[in-house]
Amino acid sequence: MEKRATPKIAEPELPVPDALLEFDTTDPSRGFTCATLTPTIKSKLRELEGGQILEVRVDDPAARLDVPAWSRMSGNELIATVEEDAERTRFYLRKKM
């Protein structure tokens, strides 16, 4: 009997980021994530041109609610969210024009 290979499910292609922001909540100099994450994202986006993409890597599960909400309020498009594990998440944000 011939054994058939199980087809792999293709993962969606992620955008190629123009910049990266890694936000480590275990760093004591960062303070509380909710109070510092979105201002840090905003600051990093200021360095980019309209339409460019920022990849944000964060190890705080609360960011899964905070970043999409901030994106809607700020007008910067949340292109993709990748949940790496129970804590780590990657967000891809396109700077508004």
N, C-alpha and C. Protein backbone atom coordinates (compact mmCIF):
# COMPACT_ATOMS: atom_id res chain seq x y z
N MET A 1 0.85 -1.18 0.00
CA MET A 1 0.00 0.00 0.00
C MET A 1 0.90 1.25 0.00
N GLU A 2 0.63 2.15 -0.89
CA GLU A 2 1.43 3.37 -1.02
C GLU A 2 0.99 4.39 0.02
N LYS A 3 1.97 4.94 0.70
CA LYS A 3 1.68 5.94 1.74
C LYS A 3 1.69 7.33 1.11
N ARG A 4 0.64 8.06 1.32
CA ARG A 4 0.53 9.41 0.75
C ARG A 4 1.00 10.44 1.77
N ALA A 5 1.65 11.44 1.26
CA ALA A 5 2.11 12.54 2.12
C ALA A 5 0.92 13.41 2.50
N THR A 6 0.91 13.84 3.72
CA THR A 6 -0.14 14.74 4.19
C THR A 6 0.13 16.12 3.61
N PRO A 7 -0.85 16.70 2.94
CA PRO A 7 -0.61 18.04 2.37
C PRO A 7 -0.41 19.06 3.48
N LYS A 8 0.55 19.94 3.24
CA LYS A 8 0.80 21.00 4.20
C LYS A 8 -0.10 22.18 3.91
N ILE A 9 -0.58 22.78 4.97
CA ILE A 9 -1.42 23.96 4.82
C ILE A 9 -0.50 25.16 4.72
N ALA A 10 -0.62 25.90 3.66
CA ALA A 10 0.23 27.06 3.45
C ALA A 10 -0.13 28.17 4.44
N GLU A 11 0.88 28.70 5.08
CA GLU A 11 0.65 29.82 5.97
C GLU A 11 0.55 31.08 5.13
N PRO A 12 -0.26 32.03 5.57
CA PRO A 12 -0.37 33.27 4.80
C PRO A 12 0.98 33.98 4.76
N GLU A 13 1.27 34.59 3.64
CA GLU A 13 2.53 35.32 3.53
C GLU A 13 2.45 36.57 4.38
N LEU A 14 3.50 36.79 5.14
CA LEU A 14 3.56 37.97 5.99
C LEU A 14 4.25 39.09 5.23
N PRO A 15 3.87 40.32 5.50
CA PRO A 15 4.51 41.44 4.82
C PRO A 15 5.98 41.56 5.23
N VAL A 16 6.76 42.14 4.36
CA VAL A 16 8.17 42.39 4.67
C VAL A 16 8.23 43.73 5.40
N PRO A 17 8.70 43.71 6.66
CA PRO A 17 8.71 44.95 7.42
C PRO A 17 9.84 45.89 6.98
N ASP A 18 9.60 47.18 7.13
CA ASP A 18 10.61 48.19 6.88
C ASP A 18 11.39 48.51 8.15
N ALA A 19 10.82 48.17 9.30
CA ALA A 19 11.46 48.42 10.59
C ALA A 19 10.95 47.39 11.60
N LEU A 20 11.73 47.23 12.65
CA LEU A 20 11.40 46.25 13.69
C LEU A 20 11.46 46.92 15.06
N LEU A 21 10.47 46.61 15.90
CA LEU A 21 10.45 47.05 17.28
C LEU A 21 10.26 45.82 18.15
N GLU A 22 11.26 45.52 18.98
CA GLU A 22 11.14 44.40 19.91
C GLU A 22 10.89 44.99 21.29
N PHE A 23 9.82 44.54 21.91
CA PHE A 23 9.41 45.08 23.20
C PHE A 23 9.43 43.96 24.22
N ASP A 24 10.42 43.97 25.10
CA ASP A 24 10.63 42.92 26.10
C ASP A 24 10.12 43.40 27.44
N THR A 25 9.03 42.80 27.92
CA THR A 25 8.44 43.26 29.18
C THR A 25 9.23 42.80 30.40
N THR A 26 10.21 41.92 30.21
CA THR A 26 11.04 41.51 31.35
C THR A 26 12.13 42.53 31.64
N ASP A 27 12.27 43.52 30.77
CA ASP A 27 13.24 44.59 30.98
C ASP A 27 12.66 45.59 31.99
N PRO A 28 13.25 45.70 33.19
CA PRO A 28 12.66 46.56 34.22
C PRO A 28 12.64 48.04 33.86
N SER A 29 13.45 48.47 32.91
CA SER A 29 13.46 49.88 32.53
C SER A 29 12.24 50.25 31.70
N ARG A 30 11.49 49.27 31.21
CA ARG A 30 10.32 49.53 30.36
C ARG A 30 9.09 49.96 31.15
N GLY A 31 9.01 49.59 32.41
CA GLY A 31 7.82 49.92 33.18
C GLY A 31 6.65 49.04 32.78
N PHE A 32 5.45 49.52 32.99
CA PHE A 32 4.26 48.75 32.64
C PHE A 32 4.05 48.77 31.13
N THR A 33 3.78 47.63 30.57
CA THR A 33 3.64 47.51 29.12
C THR A 33 2.51 48.38 28.59
N CYS A 34 1.34 48.32 29.21
CA CYS A 34 0.20 49.05 28.68
C CYS A 34 0.46 50.56 28.62
N ALA A 35 1.28 51.05 29.54
CA ALA A 35 1.56 52.48 29.59
C ALA A 35 2.68 52.89 28.63
N THR A 36 3.49 51.94 28.18
CA THR A 36 4.64 52.31 27.36
C THR A 36 4.66 51.70 25.97
N LEU A 37 3.93 50.64 25.73
CA LEU A 37 3.99 49.97 24.43
C LEU A 37 3.48 50.86 23.30
N THR A 38 2.27 51.34 23.40
CA THR A 38 1.71 52.11 22.29
C THR A 38 2.45 53.43 22.06
N PRO A 39 2.90 54.16 23.10
CA PRO A 39 3.73 55.34 22.82
C PRO A 39 5.04 54.98 22.13
N THR A 40 5.60 53.81 22.44
CA THR A 40 6.83 53.38 21.80
C THR A 40 6.56 53.04 20.33
N ILE A 41 5.44 52.40 20.05
CA ILE A 41 5.06 52.12 18.67
C ILE A 41 4.89 53.42 17.90
N LYS A 42 4.18 54.36 18.49
CA LYS A 42 3.94 55.66 17.85
C LYS A 42 5.26 56.35 17.52
N SER A 43 6.19 56.31 18.46
CA SER A 43 7.49 56.93 18.25
C SER A 43 8.25 56.26 17.11
N LYS A 44 8.21 54.94 17.06
CA LYS A 44 8.91 54.21 16.00
C LYS A 44 8.27 54.49 14.64
N LEU A 45 6.94 54.59 14.59
CA LEU A 45 6.25 54.87 13.33
C LEU A 45 6.61 56.26 12.80
N ARG A 46 6.92 57.20 13.69
CA ARG A 46 7.32 58.55 13.25
C ARG A 46 8.58 58.51 12.38
N GLU A 47 9.39 57.49 12.57
CA GLU A 47 10.63 57.35 11.80
C GLU A 47 10.37 56.82 10.39
N LEU A 48 9.17 56.31 10.14
CA LEU A 48 8.84 55.70 8.86
C LEU A 48 8.04 56.65 7.97
N GLU A 49 8.07 56.35 6.67
CA GLU A 49 7.25 57.08 5.70
C GLU A 49 5.86 56.46 5.68
N GLY A 50 4.87 57.21 5.22
CA GLY A 50 3.52 56.68 5.07
C GLY A 50 3.52 55.45 4.18
N GLY A 51 2.82 54.40 4.59
CA GLY A 51 2.74 53.17 3.83
C GLY A 51 3.79 52.14 4.21
N GLN A 52 4.83 52.54 4.93
CA GLN A 52 5.84 51.57 5.34
C GLN A 52 5.31 50.71 6.48
N ILE A 53 5.95 49.55 6.66
CA ILE A 53 5.46 48.55 7.62
C ILE A 53 6.42 48.39 8.79
N LEU A 54 5.84 48.37 9.97
CA LEU A 54 6.58 48.15 11.22
C LEU A 54 6.17 46.80 11.78
N GLU A 55 7.17 45.97 12.07
CA GLU A 55 6.92 44.71 12.77
C GLU A 55 7.18 44.96 14.25
N VAL A 56 6.22 44.61 15.09
CA VAL A 56 6.34 44.77 16.54
C VAL A 56 6.32 43.38 17.15
N ARG A 57 7.36 43.08 17.93
CA ARG A 57 7.44 41.80 18.65
C ARG A 57 7.35 42.11 20.13
N VAL A 58 6.38 41.48 20.78
CA VAL A 58 6.14 41.77 22.20
C VAL A 58 5.85 40.46 22.93
N ASP A 59 6.24 40.44 24.20
CA ASP A 59 6.04 39.21 25.00
C ASP A 59 4.99 39.40 26.09
N ASP A 60 4.04 40.28 25.85
CA ASP A 60 2.96 40.52 26.80
C ASP A 60 1.63 40.14 26.16
N PRO A 61 0.94 39.12 26.68
CA PRO A 61 -0.33 38.70 26.08
C PRO A 61 -1.38 39.80 26.03
N ALA A 62 -1.32 40.78 26.92
CA ALA A 62 -2.28 41.88 26.93
C ALA A 62 -2.17 42.72 25.66
N ALA A 63 -1.02 42.68 25.01
CA ALA A 63 -0.83 43.45 23.78
C ALA A 63 -1.78 42.98 22.68
N ARG A 64 -2.27 41.75 22.79
CA ARG A 64 -3.19 41.22 21.78
C ARG A 64 -4.50 42.00 21.74
N LEU A 65 -4.82 42.67 22.81
CA LEU A 65 -5.99 43.55 22.85
C LEU A 65 -5.58 45.00 22.62
N ASP A 66 -4.46 45.39 23.23
CA ASP A 66 -4.02 46.79 23.20
C ASP A 66 -3.64 47.27 21.80
N VAL A 67 -2.83 46.48 21.08
CA VAL A 67 -2.32 46.93 19.79
C VAL A 67 -3.45 47.06 18.75
N PRO A 68 -4.35 46.08 18.61
CA PRO A 68 -5.45 46.27 17.65
C PRO A 68 -6.32 47.48 17.99
N ALA A 69 -6.59 47.70 19.27
CA ALA A 69 -7.40 48.86 19.66
C ALA A 69 -6.68 50.16 19.32
N TRP A 70 -5.39 50.21 19.62
CA TRP A 70 -4.60 51.40 19.31
C TRP A 70 -4.56 51.64 17.80
N SER A 71 -4.42 50.56 17.05
CA SER A 71 -4.37 50.67 15.59
C SER A 71 -5.65 51.30 15.05
N ARG A 72 -6.79 50.84 15.53
CA ARG A 72 -8.08 51.40 15.09
C ARG A 72 -8.17 52.88 15.45
N MET A 73 -7.76 53.24 16.64
CA MET A 73 -7.87 54.63 17.09
C MET A 73 -6.88 55.55 16.38
N SER A 74 -5.69 55.03 16.06
CA SER A 74 -4.66 55.87 15.46
C SER A 74 -4.76 55.97 13.94
N GLY A 75 -5.48 55.02 13.33
CA GLY A 75 -5.60 55.03 11.87
C GLY A 75 -4.47 54.30 11.16
N ASN A 76 -3.57 53.68 11.91
CA ASN A 76 -2.50 52.87 11.32
C ASN A 76 -3.04 51.46 11.17
N GLU A 77 -2.90 50.90 9.97
CA GLU A 77 -3.51 49.61 9.65
C GLU A 77 -2.77 48.44 10.28
N LEU A 78 -3.50 47.60 10.97
CA LEU A 78 -2.95 46.34 11.49
C LEU A 78 -3.11 45.32 10.37
N ILE A 79 -1.99 44.95 9.74
CA ILE A 79 -2.02 44.05 8.58
C ILE A 79 -2.12 42.60 9.02
N ALA A 80 -1.35 42.23 10.04
CA ALA A 80 -1.33 40.83 10.47
C ALA A 80 -0.93 40.74 11.94
N THR A 81 -1.42 39.68 12.58
CA THR A 81 -1.05 39.34 13.95
C THR A 81 -0.64 37.88 13.95
N VAL A 82 0.52 37.60 14.53
CA VAL A 82 1.01 36.22 14.62
C VAL A 82 1.25 35.90 16.08
N GLU A 83 0.46 34.97 16.62
CA GLU A 83 0.64 34.55 18.00
C GLU A 83 1.68 33.43 18.02
N GLU A 84 2.87 33.74 18.50
CA GLU A 84 3.97 32.78 18.52
C GLU A 84 3.70 31.67 19.55
N ASP A 85 3.27 32.07 20.74
CA ASP A 85 2.94 31.14 21.81
C ASP A 85 2.00 31.86 22.77
N ALA A 86 1.87 31.38 23.99
CA ALA A 86 0.92 31.96 24.94
C ALA A 86 1.23 33.42 25.29
N GLU A 87 2.49 33.83 25.14
CA GLU A 87 2.87 35.19 25.50
C GLU A 87 3.34 36.04 24.32
N ARG A 88 4.15 35.49 23.47
CA ARG A 88 4.79 36.27 22.41
C ARG A 88 3.89 36.42 21.19
N THR A 89 3.87 37.68 20.70
CA THR A 89 3.05 38.02 19.54
C THR A 89 3.84 38.95 18.63
N ARG A 90 3.60 38.80 17.32
CA ARG A 90 4.16 39.73 16.34
C ARG A 90 3.00 40.46 15.66
N PHE A 91 3.14 41.75 15.53
CA PHE A 91 2.15 42.59 14.86
C PHE A 91 2.82 43.26 13.67
N TYR A 92 2.09 43.39 12.58
CA TYR A 92 2.58 44.10 11.41
C TYR A 92 1.64 45.29 11.20
N LEU A 93 2.19 46.48 11.32
CA LEU A 93 1.41 47.71 11.22
C LEU A 93 1.89 48.52 10.01
N ARG A 94 0.92 49.00 9.21
CA ARG A 94 1.26 49.89 8.10
C ARG A 94 0.97 51.32 8.54
N LYS A 95 1.99 52.17 8.42
CA LYS A 95 1.83 53.59 8.82
C LYS A 95 0.85 54.26 7.88
N LYS A 96 -0.05 55.02 8.46
CA LYS A 96 -1.05 55.72 7.64
C LYS A 96 -0.34 56.74 6.76
N MET A 97 -0.97 57.03 5.65
CA MET A 97 -0.39 57.96 4.66
C MET A 97 -0.50 59.39 5.11
